[in-house]
Amino acid sequence: MSLPPLEQLQDVWKELAGRYFADRLPPISIVWSSRLTASSGMFVSRVGPRSRTVPVEVRQGTSRVIRLSGPLLRDQPMDEVVRTLAHEMIHQWQFDIRHCRPSHGHDFLAKMHQMNHDGMGVSLYHQLDDAVLSWNRYAWRCVDCGLEYRRQRRTIRTRRHRCARCGGKLKETHVE
């Protein structure tokens, strides 16, 4: 299954912006990210200079962009892509219209429930846990309670970090 074209997603964005945000959201670029594998989408209010996949005009100044995960959404139905886009649009609304830091607080939940009343199916967190786990290359296990920690990068330092559950030592293991 291939990813929907960005033009199609921009059309979906326009339709949702009209229906749920009274056409008040300023235009935003939507991009497919090949590196975003910990979540299915991300609203970014500033784009760094090393973002090569984002057009130059988007990178300048205080840019905003909605990044969607190509690896995680590639095999998902269009409904999941639209739900992810809608979730990120709520964050855009918080930033651009409400002028607050995007979060999953009260205003996010109220907007999400409004959209879900119409059957959108927006959620706080994606249901792509198996897909996310498939990108995890590193694992550590607590030697005391057995709790496993999986990461995409080698971010846990066994000399410094301890188990959050019991405080035990962590030992690096192989991802299964």
N, C-alpha and C. Protein backbone atom coordinates (compact mmCIF):
# COMPACT_ATOMS: atom_id res chain seq x y z
N MET A 1 0.86 -1.18 0.00
CA MET A 1 0.00 0.00 0.00
C MET A 1 0.90 1.24 0.00
N SER A 2 0.56 2.22 -0.78
CA SER A 2 1.38 3.42 -0.86
C SER A 2 0.77 4.53 -0.01
N LEU A 3 1.55 5.57 0.20
CA LEU A 3 1.10 6.71 0.98
C LEU A 3 0.25 7.63 0.11
N PRO A 4 -0.78 8.23 0.69
CA PRO A 4 -1.59 9.17 -0.09
C PRO A 4 -0.74 10.37 -0.52
N PRO A 5 -0.99 10.91 -1.69
CA PRO A 5 -0.24 12.09 -2.13
C PRO A 5 -0.49 13.28 -1.20
N LEU A 6 0.52 14.12 -1.06
CA LEU A 6 0.41 15.28 -0.18
C LEU A 6 -0.71 16.23 -0.62
N GLU A 7 -0.96 16.30 -1.93
CA GLU A 7 -2.03 17.16 -2.43
C GLU A 7 -3.37 16.69 -1.88
N GLN A 8 -3.56 15.37 -1.82
CA GLN A 8 -4.80 14.82 -1.28
C GLN A 8 -4.92 15.15 0.21
N LEU A 9 -3.81 15.08 0.94
CA LEU A 9 -3.84 15.41 2.36
C LEU A 9 -4.11 16.90 2.59
N GLN A 10 -3.59 17.74 1.70
CA GLN A 10 -3.88 19.18 1.81
C GLN A 10 -5.38 19.42 1.60
N ASP A 11 -6.00 18.67 0.68
CA ASP A 11 -7.44 18.80 0.46
C ASP A 11 -8.22 18.34 1.70
N VAL A 12 -7.78 17.25 2.33
CA VAL A 12 -8.41 16.78 3.57
C VAL A 12 -8.25 17.84 4.66
N TRP A 13 -7.04 18.42 4.75
CA TRP A 13 -6.78 19.47 5.74
C TRP A 13 -7.75 20.63 5.54
N LYS A 14 -7.94 21.07 4.29
CA LYS A 14 -8.85 22.19 4.01
C LYS A 14 -10.28 21.86 4.42
N GLU A 15 -10.70 20.64 4.12
CA GLU A 15 -12.07 20.23 4.46
C GLU A 15 -12.25 20.21 5.99
N LEU A 16 -11.30 19.64 6.71
CA LEU A 16 -11.38 19.59 8.18
C LEU A 16 -11.26 20.99 8.79
N ALA A 17 -10.41 21.84 8.20
CA ALA A 17 -10.26 23.21 8.70
C ALA A 17 -11.57 23.97 8.59
N GLY A 18 -12.30 23.74 7.53
CA GLY A 18 -13.59 24.39 7.39
C GLY A 18 -14.64 23.84 8.34
N ARG A 19 -14.68 22.53 8.45
CA ARG A 19 -15.72 21.89 9.25
C ARG A 19 -15.53 22.09 10.75
N TYR A 20 -14.30 22.00 11.25
CA TYR A 20 -14.07 22.00 12.69
C TYR A 20 -13.36 23.25 13.23
N PHE A 21 -12.77 24.05 12.35
CA PHE A 21 -12.00 25.19 12.83
C PHE A 21 -12.44 26.50 12.16
N ALA A 22 -13.64 26.51 11.58
CA ALA A 22 -14.25 27.69 10.98
C ALA A 22 -13.31 28.41 10.01
N ASP A 23 -12.50 27.64 9.29
CA ASP A 23 -11.54 28.19 8.31
C ASP A 23 -10.60 29.23 8.93
N ARG A 24 -10.34 29.12 10.22
CA ARG A 24 -9.45 30.08 10.90
C ARG A 24 -8.00 29.62 10.93
N LEU A 25 -7.72 28.36 10.65
CA LEU A 25 -6.34 27.87 10.69
C LEU A 25 -5.56 28.43 9.50
N PRO A 26 -4.38 29.00 9.76
CA PRO A 26 -3.57 29.45 8.63
C PRO A 26 -3.02 28.24 7.87
N PRO A 27 -2.77 28.40 6.57
CA PRO A 27 -2.24 27.28 5.79
C PRO A 27 -0.96 26.72 6.42
N ILE A 28 -0.75 25.44 6.23
CA ILE A 28 0.41 24.77 6.80
C ILE A 28 0.89 23.71 5.82
N SER A 29 2.17 23.47 5.81
CA SER A 29 2.72 22.40 4.98
C SER A 29 2.54 21.06 5.69
N ILE A 30 2.23 20.07 4.91
CA ILE A 30 2.15 18.69 5.40
C ILE A 30 3.24 17.92 4.68
N VAL A 31 4.04 17.19 5.42
CA VAL A 31 5.13 16.43 4.81
C VAL A 31 5.12 15.00 5.34
N TRP A 32 5.58 14.09 4.49
CA TRP A 32 5.84 12.72 4.92
C TRP A 32 7.26 12.67 5.48
N SER A 33 7.41 12.10 6.65
CA SER A 33 8.73 11.97 7.26
C SER A 33 9.15 10.51 7.25
N SER A 34 10.34 10.25 6.74
CA SER A 34 10.86 8.87 6.76
C SER A 34 11.53 8.56 8.09
N ARG A 35 11.82 9.59 8.89
CA ARG A 35 12.53 9.39 10.16
C ARG A 35 11.60 9.34 11.37
N LEU A 36 10.38 9.81 11.24
CA LEU A 36 9.44 9.82 12.36
C LEU A 36 8.88 8.41 12.56
N THR A 37 9.38 7.72 13.58
CA THR A 37 8.94 6.34 13.80
C THR A 37 8.48 6.08 15.23
N ALA A 38 8.53 7.09 16.10
CA ALA A 38 8.06 6.91 17.47
C ALA A 38 6.60 7.31 17.62
N SER A 39 6.09 8.12 16.70
CA SER A 39 4.69 8.50 16.69
C SER A 39 4.23 8.63 15.25
N SER A 40 2.92 8.61 15.05
CA SER A 40 2.41 8.63 13.68
C SER A 40 2.34 10.02 13.09
N GLY A 41 2.40 11.05 13.93
CA GLY A 41 2.37 12.41 13.43
C GLY A 41 2.95 13.38 14.43
N MET A 42 3.24 14.60 13.95
CA MET A 42 3.82 15.61 14.82
C MET A 42 3.55 16.99 14.24
N PHE A 43 3.01 17.87 15.08
CA PHE A 43 2.90 19.28 14.72
C PHE A 43 4.17 19.95 15.20
N VAL A 44 4.84 20.66 14.29
CA VAL A 44 6.10 21.33 14.62
C VAL A 44 5.90 22.82 14.39
N SER A 45 6.20 23.61 15.43
CA SER A 45 6.03 25.05 15.29
C SER A 45 7.30 25.73 14.83
N ARG A 46 8.41 25.06 14.89
CA ARG A 46 9.67 25.57 14.36
C ARG A 46 10.39 24.42 13.68
N VAL A 47 10.98 24.72 12.55
CA VAL A 47 11.67 23.69 11.79
C VAL A 47 13.14 24.06 11.74
N GLY A 48 14.00 23.11 12.10
CA GLY A 48 15.44 23.38 12.14
C GLY A 48 16.08 23.43 10.77
N PRO A 49 17.31 23.93 10.73
CA PRO A 49 18.00 24.11 9.46
C PRO A 49 18.40 22.80 8.79
N ARG A 50 18.39 21.68 9.54
CA ARG A 50 18.79 20.41 8.95
C ARG A 50 17.62 19.61 8.40
N SER A 51 16.44 20.19 8.36
CA SER A 51 15.26 19.49 7.85
C SER A 51 15.26 19.55 6.33
N ARG A 52 15.97 18.63 5.72
CA ARG A 52 16.13 18.65 4.26
C ARG A 52 14.85 18.32 3.51
N THR A 53 13.98 17.51 4.12
CA THR A 53 12.77 17.10 3.41
C THR A 53 11.72 18.20 3.39
N VAL A 54 11.92 19.26 4.16
CA VAL A 54 10.97 20.36 4.21
C VAL A 54 11.42 21.44 3.25
N PRO A 55 10.53 21.97 2.41
CA PRO A 55 10.93 23.02 1.46
C PRO A 55 11.56 24.21 2.17
N VAL A 56 12.47 24.89 1.47
CA VAL A 56 13.22 26.02 2.04
C VAL A 56 12.27 27.09 2.57
N GLU A 57 11.21 27.39 1.84
CA GLU A 57 10.31 28.46 2.28
C GLU A 57 9.62 28.11 3.59
N VAL A 58 9.46 26.82 3.86
CA VAL A 58 8.84 26.40 5.11
C VAL A 58 9.83 26.50 6.26
N ARG A 59 11.13 26.27 5.98
CA ARG A 59 12.15 26.27 7.03
C ARG A 59 12.47 27.65 7.55
N GLN A 60 12.16 28.68 6.82
CA GLN A 60 12.56 30.03 7.21
C GLN A 60 11.63 30.59 8.28
N GLY A 61 12.21 31.36 9.21
CA GLY A 61 11.42 32.03 10.24
C GLY A 61 10.82 31.08 11.24
N THR A 62 9.65 31.43 11.73
CA THR A 62 8.96 30.61 12.73
C THR A 62 7.96 29.72 12.01
N SER A 63 8.45 28.79 11.25
CA SER A 63 7.62 27.93 10.42
C SER A 63 6.85 26.91 11.24
N ARG A 64 5.77 26.45 10.65
CA ARG A 64 4.98 25.39 11.22
C ARG A 64 4.80 24.33 10.16
N VAL A 65 4.77 23.09 10.58
CA VAL A 65 4.61 21.99 9.63
C VAL A 65 3.96 20.83 10.36
N ILE A 66 3.18 20.05 9.63
CA ILE A 66 2.65 18.81 10.17
C ILE A 66 3.42 17.69 9.50
N ARG A 67 4.13 16.92 10.30
CA ARG A 67 4.88 15.76 9.81
C ARG A 67 4.06 14.50 10.07
N LEU A 68 3.96 13.67 9.06
CA LEU A 68 3.29 12.39 9.20
C LEU A 68 4.31 11.29 8.95
N SER A 69 4.23 10.24 9.73
CA SER A 69 5.20 9.15 9.64
C SER A 69 4.93 8.24 8.44
N GLY A 70 5.81 8.30 7.47
CA GLY A 70 5.69 7.39 6.33
C GLY A 70 5.82 5.93 6.73
N PRO A 71 6.85 5.58 7.53
CA PRO A 71 7.01 4.18 7.91
C PRO A 71 5.82 3.61 8.69
N LEU A 72 5.22 4.39 9.58
CA LEU A 72 4.14 3.87 10.41
C LEU A 72 2.78 3.90 9.71
N LEU A 73 2.57 4.86 8.84
CA LEU A 73 1.25 5.00 8.20
C LEU A 73 1.17 4.34 6.82
N ARG A 74 2.29 3.87 6.31
CA ARG A 74 2.32 3.29 4.96
C ARG A 74 1.30 2.17 4.78
N ASP A 75 1.16 1.29 5.73
CA ASP A 75 0.27 0.15 5.58
C ASP A 75 -1.07 0.33 6.29
N GLN A 76 -1.39 1.57 6.63
CA GLN A 76 -2.63 1.84 7.34
C GLN A 76 -3.71 2.33 6.37
N PRO A 77 -4.98 2.11 6.72
CA PRO A 77 -6.06 2.62 5.87
C PRO A 77 -6.10 4.15 5.92
N MET A 78 -6.71 4.75 4.93
CA MET A 78 -6.79 6.20 4.83
C MET A 78 -7.43 6.81 6.07
N ASP A 79 -8.39 6.11 6.69
CA ASP A 79 -9.04 6.62 7.90
C ASP A 79 -8.01 6.89 9.00
N GLU A 80 -7.01 6.03 9.14
CA GLU A 80 -5.98 6.23 10.16
C GLU A 80 -5.12 7.44 9.84
N VAL A 81 -4.82 7.63 8.57
CA VAL A 81 -4.05 8.81 8.16
C VAL A 81 -4.84 10.08 8.46
N VAL A 82 -6.14 10.08 8.17
CA VAL A 82 -6.99 11.25 8.42
C VAL A 82 -7.10 11.50 9.92
N ARG A 83 -7.26 10.45 10.72
CA ARG A 83 -7.32 10.64 12.18
C ARG A 83 -6.03 11.26 12.71
N THR A 84 -4.89 10.80 12.18
CA THR A 84 -3.60 11.36 12.60
C THR A 84 -3.51 12.82 12.20
N LEU A 85 -3.90 13.13 10.98
CA LEU A 85 -3.88 14.52 10.52
C LEU A 85 -4.79 15.39 11.39
N ALA A 86 -5.98 14.90 11.71
CA ALA A 86 -6.91 15.66 12.55
C ALA A 86 -6.32 15.91 13.94
N HIS A 87 -5.67 14.92 14.50
CA HIS A 87 -5.01 15.07 15.80
C HIS A 87 -3.99 16.20 15.75
N GLU A 88 -3.16 16.20 14.71
CA GLU A 88 -2.13 17.23 14.59
C GLU A 88 -2.74 18.60 14.29
N MET A 89 -3.88 18.62 13.62
CA MET A 89 -4.57 19.89 13.37
C MET A 89 -5.08 20.51 14.67
N ILE A 90 -5.47 19.67 15.63
CA ILE A 90 -5.87 20.21 16.93
C ILE A 90 -4.68 20.90 17.59
N HIS A 91 -3.50 20.30 17.49
CA HIS A 91 -2.30 20.95 18.03
C HIS A 91 -2.02 22.26 17.29
N GLN A 92 -2.21 22.26 15.98
CA GLN A 92 -2.02 23.49 15.22
C GLN A 92 -3.00 24.56 15.70
N TRP A 93 -4.24 24.19 15.92
CA TRP A 93 -5.26 25.09 16.42
C TRP A 93 -4.86 25.67 17.78
N GLN A 94 -4.34 24.81 18.66
CA GLN A 94 -3.90 25.29 19.97
C GLN A 94 -2.81 26.36 19.80
N PHE A 95 -1.87 26.11 18.90
CA PHE A 95 -0.74 27.01 18.71
C PHE A 95 -1.13 28.29 17.98
N ASP A 96 -1.83 28.14 16.85
CA ASP A 96 -2.12 29.28 15.98
C ASP A 96 -3.33 30.11 16.42
N ILE A 97 -4.35 29.50 16.97
CA ILE A 97 -5.59 30.19 17.30
C ILE A 97 -5.70 30.45 18.80
N ARG A 98 -5.45 29.45 19.60
CA ARG A 98 -5.55 29.59 21.06
C ARG A 98 -4.30 30.24 21.65
N HIS A 99 -3.21 30.27 20.87
CA HIS A 99 -1.94 30.86 21.30
C HIS A 99 -1.43 30.25 22.61
N CYS A 100 -1.51 28.92 22.66
CA CYS A 100 -0.98 28.22 23.83
C CYS A 100 -0.11 27.07 23.34
N ARG A 101 0.63 26.53 24.26
CA ARG A 101 1.51 25.41 23.94
C ARG A 101 0.67 24.17 23.66
N PRO A 102 0.89 23.51 22.54
CA PRO A 102 0.11 22.31 22.22
C PRO A 102 0.29 21.23 23.30
N SER A 103 -0.83 20.67 23.72
CA SER A 103 -0.83 19.62 24.74
C SER A 103 -2.07 18.77 24.53
N HIS A 104 -2.25 17.80 25.40
CA HIS A 104 -3.46 16.97 25.38
C HIS A 104 -4.38 17.36 26.53
N GLY A 105 -4.40 18.65 26.86
CA GLY A 105 -5.20 19.16 27.97
C GLY A 105 -6.66 19.33 27.64
N HIS A 106 -7.33 20.14 28.45
CA HIS A 106 -8.78 20.30 28.37
C HIS A 106 -9.26 20.77 26.99
N ASP A 107 -8.60 21.80 26.43
CA ASP A 107 -9.06 22.30 25.13
C ASP A 107 -8.86 21.28 24.02
N PHE A 108 -7.76 20.52 24.09
CA PHE A 108 -7.54 19.45 23.11
C PHE A 108 -8.67 18.43 23.21
N LEU A 109 -8.97 17.99 24.43
CA LEU A 109 -10.00 16.96 24.63
C LEU A 109 -11.37 17.46 24.17
N ALA A 110 -11.69 18.73 24.43
CA ALA A 110 -12.98 19.27 24.00
C ALA A 110 -13.09 19.26 22.48
N LYS A 111 -12.03 19.69 21.79
CA LYS A 111 -12.04 19.69 20.32
C LYS A 111 -12.09 18.26 19.79
N MET A 112 -11.34 17.35 20.41
CA MET A 112 -11.33 15.95 19.99
C MET A 112 -12.73 15.35 20.13
N HIS A 113 -13.41 15.62 21.25
CA HIS A 113 -14.77 15.09 21.45
C HIS A 113 -15.75 15.68 20.43
N GLN A 114 -15.57 16.96 20.09
CA GLN A 114 -16.41 17.57 19.06
C GLN A 114 -16.24 16.83 17.74
N MET A 115 -15.00 16.56 17.37
CA MET A 115 -14.73 15.86 16.11
C MET A 115 -15.24 14.42 16.17
N ASN A 116 -15.07 13.78 17.30
CA ASN A 116 -15.50 12.39 17.45
C ASN A 116 -17.02 12.25 17.49
N HIS A 117 -17.71 13.31 17.87
CA HIS A 117 -19.17 13.29 17.84
C HIS A 117 -19.67 13.04 16.41
N ASP A 118 -18.86 13.48 15.43
CA ASP A 118 -19.19 13.26 14.02
C ASP A 118 -18.59 11.95 13.49
N GLY A 119 -17.95 11.18 14.36
CA GLY A 119 -17.42 9.89 13.94
C GLY A 119 -15.98 9.91 13.44
N MET A 120 -15.22 10.97 13.75
CA MET A 120 -13.83 11.05 13.27
C MET A 120 -12.93 9.98 13.87
N GLY A 121 -13.13 9.64 15.14
CA GLY A 121 -12.29 8.62 15.77
C GLY A 121 -10.90 9.11 16.15
N VAL A 122 -10.76 10.41 16.41
CA VAL A 122 -9.47 10.96 16.85
C VAL A 122 -9.20 10.45 18.26
N SER A 123 -7.96 10.11 18.55
CA SER A 123 -7.59 9.64 19.88
C SER A 123 -6.36 10.39 20.37
N LEU A 124 -6.09 10.25 21.66
CA LEU A 124 -4.89 10.89 22.22
C LEU A 124 -3.63 10.23 21.70
N TYR A 125 -3.65 8.93 21.60
CA TYR A 125 -2.47 8.18 21.20
C TYR A 125 -2.84 7.23 20.07
N HIS A 126 -1.90 7.02 19.16
CA HIS A 126 -2.16 6.11 18.04
C HIS A 126 -2.22 4.67 18.53
N GLN A 127 -2.78 3.83 17.72
CA GLN A 127 -2.91 2.41 18.04
C GLN A 127 -1.92 1.58 17.22
N LEU A 128 -0.77 2.14 16.94
CA LEU A 128 0.22 1.50 16.07
C LEU A 128 1.40 0.95 16.87
N ASP A 129 1.12 0.44 18.06
CA ASP A 129 2.20 0.00 18.93
C ASP A 129 3.09 -1.07 18.30
N ASP A 130 2.50 -2.03 17.59
CA ASP A 130 3.32 -3.07 16.95
C ASP A 130 4.25 -2.47 15.90
N ALA A 131 3.75 -1.51 15.14
CA ALA A 131 4.58 -0.87 14.12
C ALA A 131 5.71 -0.08 14.77
N VAL A 132 5.42 0.62 15.86
CA VAL A 132 6.45 1.39 16.57
C VAL A 132 7.49 0.44 17.13
N LEU A 133 7.04 -0.65 17.76
CA LEU A 133 7.99 -1.60 18.34
C LEU A 133 8.91 -2.22 17.30
N SER A 134 8.42 -2.36 16.08
CA SER A 134 9.26 -2.96 15.04
C SER A 134 10.46 -2.09 14.71
N TRP A 135 10.41 -0.80 15.04
CA TRP A 135 11.53 0.11 14.78
C TRP A 135 12.52 0.15 15.94
N ASN A 136 12.16 -0.45 17.07
CA ASN A 136 13.06 -0.45 18.23
C ASN A 136 14.17 -1.46 18.03
N ARG A 137 15.40 -0.98 18.06
CA ARG A 137 16.57 -1.84 17.82
C ARG A 137 17.30 -2.23 19.09
N TYR A 138 16.98 -1.54 20.20
CA TYR A 138 17.72 -1.74 21.44
C TYR A 138 16.76 -2.06 22.57
N ALA A 139 17.22 -2.90 23.50
CA ALA A 139 16.38 -3.29 24.63
C ALA A 139 17.24 -3.46 25.88
N TRP A 140 16.62 -3.16 27.01
CA TRP A 140 17.24 -3.36 28.31
C TRP A 140 16.21 -4.02 29.21
N ARG A 141 16.69 -4.87 30.12
CA ARG A 141 15.80 -5.57 31.05
C ARG A 141 16.32 -5.36 32.46
N CYS A 142 15.37 -5.11 33.38
CA CYS A 142 15.72 -4.97 34.79
C CYS A 142 16.12 -6.34 35.32
N VAL A 143 17.26 -6.41 35.99
CA VAL A 143 17.73 -7.70 36.51
C VAL A 143 16.92 -8.13 37.73
N ASP A 144 16.19 -7.21 38.37
CA ASP A 144 15.40 -7.57 39.54
C ASP A 144 13.96 -7.95 39.21
N CYS A 145 13.24 -7.07 38.50
CA CYS A 145 11.81 -7.34 38.25
C CYS A 145 11.51 -7.79 36.83
N GLY A 146 12.48 -7.69 35.91
CA GLY A 146 12.28 -8.18 34.54
C GLY A 146 11.60 -7.21 33.59
N LEU A 147 11.29 -5.99 34.04
CA LEU A 147 10.65 -5.01 33.16
C LEU A 147 11.58 -4.69 31.99
N GLU A 148 11.01 -4.69 30.77
CA GLU A 148 11.82 -4.44 29.58
C GLU A 148 11.59 -3.02 29.07
N TYR A 149 12.68 -2.38 28.65
CA TYR A 149 12.65 -1.06 28.05
C TYR A 149 13.18 -1.20 26.62
N ARG A 150 12.41 -0.72 25.66
CA ARG A 150 12.84 -0.78 24.26
C ARG A 150 12.95 0.63 23.71
N ARG A 151 13.98 0.85 22.91
CA ARG A 151 14.23 2.17 22.34
C ARG A 151 14.72 2.03 20.90
N GLN A 152 14.54 3.10 20.14
CA GLN A 152 15.04 3.14 18.77
C GLN A 152 16.53 3.45 18.74
N ARG A 153 16.99 4.12 19.76
CA ARG A 153 18.41 4.49 19.85
C ARG A 153 18.96 4.01 21.18
N ARG A 154 20.25 3.96 21.28
CA ARG A 154 20.89 3.49 22.51
C ARG A 154 20.94 4.65 23.51
N THR A 155 19.78 4.97 24.10
CA THR A 155 19.66 6.13 24.98
C THR A 155 19.76 5.78 26.46
N ILE A 156 19.66 4.53 26.82
CA ILE A 156 19.74 4.14 28.22
C ILE A 156 21.19 3.81 28.55
N ARG A 157 21.68 4.43 29.61
CA ARG A 157 23.05 4.19 30.10
C ARG A 157 22.94 3.38 31.38
N THR A 158 23.42 2.15 31.34
CA THR A 158 23.22 1.23 32.48
C THR A 158 23.95 1.69 33.74
N ARG A 159 24.98 2.47 33.63
CA ARG A 159 25.66 2.97 34.83
C ARG A 159 24.88 4.08 35.51
N ARG A 160 24.06 4.78 34.73
CA ARG A 160 23.35 5.93 35.26
C ARG A 160 21.86 5.67 35.48
N HIS A 161 21.22 4.92 34.61
CA HIS A 161 19.77 4.71 34.67
C HIS A 161 19.42 3.47 35.47
N ARG A 162 18.27 3.54 36.12
CA ARG A 162 17.73 2.43 36.92
C ARG A 162 16.31 2.15 36.49
N CYS A 163 15.80 1.01 36.89
CA CYS A 163 14.42 0.61 36.59
C CYS A 163 13.45 1.58 37.27
N ALA A 164 12.46 2.04 36.53
CA ALA A 164 11.47 2.95 37.08
C ALA A 164 10.52 2.24 38.05
N ARG A 165 10.36 0.94 37.88
CA ARG A 165 9.43 0.21 38.74
C ARG A 165 10.05 -0.12 40.09
N CYS A 166 11.27 -0.67 40.09
CA CYS A 166 11.83 -1.17 41.35
C CYS A 166 13.19 -0.57 41.71
N GLY A 167 13.78 0.20 40.80
CA GLY A 167 15.09 0.79 41.08
C GLY A 167 16.25 -0.15 40.80
N GLY A 168 15.97 -1.30 40.22
CA GLY A 168 17.01 -2.28 39.94
C GLY A 168 17.92 -1.87 38.80
N LYS A 169 19.01 -2.62 38.65
CA LYS A 169 19.96 -2.36 37.57
C LYS A 169 19.38 -2.84 36.25
N LEU A 170 19.80 -2.18 35.16
CA LEU A 170 19.36 -2.55 33.83
C LEU A 170 20.50 -3.20 33.09
N LYS A 171 20.15 -4.21 32.29
CA LYS A 171 21.14 -4.91 31.48
C LYS A 171 20.66 -4.90 30.03
N GLU A 172 21.57 -4.53 29.12
CA GLU A 172 21.19 -4.50 27.70
C GLU A 172 20.98 -5.92 27.20
N THR A 173 19.91 -6.10 26.42
CA THR A 173 19.59 -7.41 25.84
C THR A 173 19.43 -7.22 24.33
N HIS A 174 19.18 -8.29 23.65
CA HIS A 174 18.92 -8.24 22.21
C HIS A 174 17.43 -8.10 21.96
N VAL A 175 17.07 -7.33 20.96
CA VAL A 175 15.65 -7.20 20.58
C VAL A 175 15.21 -8.50 19.95
N GLU A 176 14.06 -8.96 20.38
CA GLU A 176 13.54 -10.25 19.88
C GLU A 176 12.60 -10.05 18.73
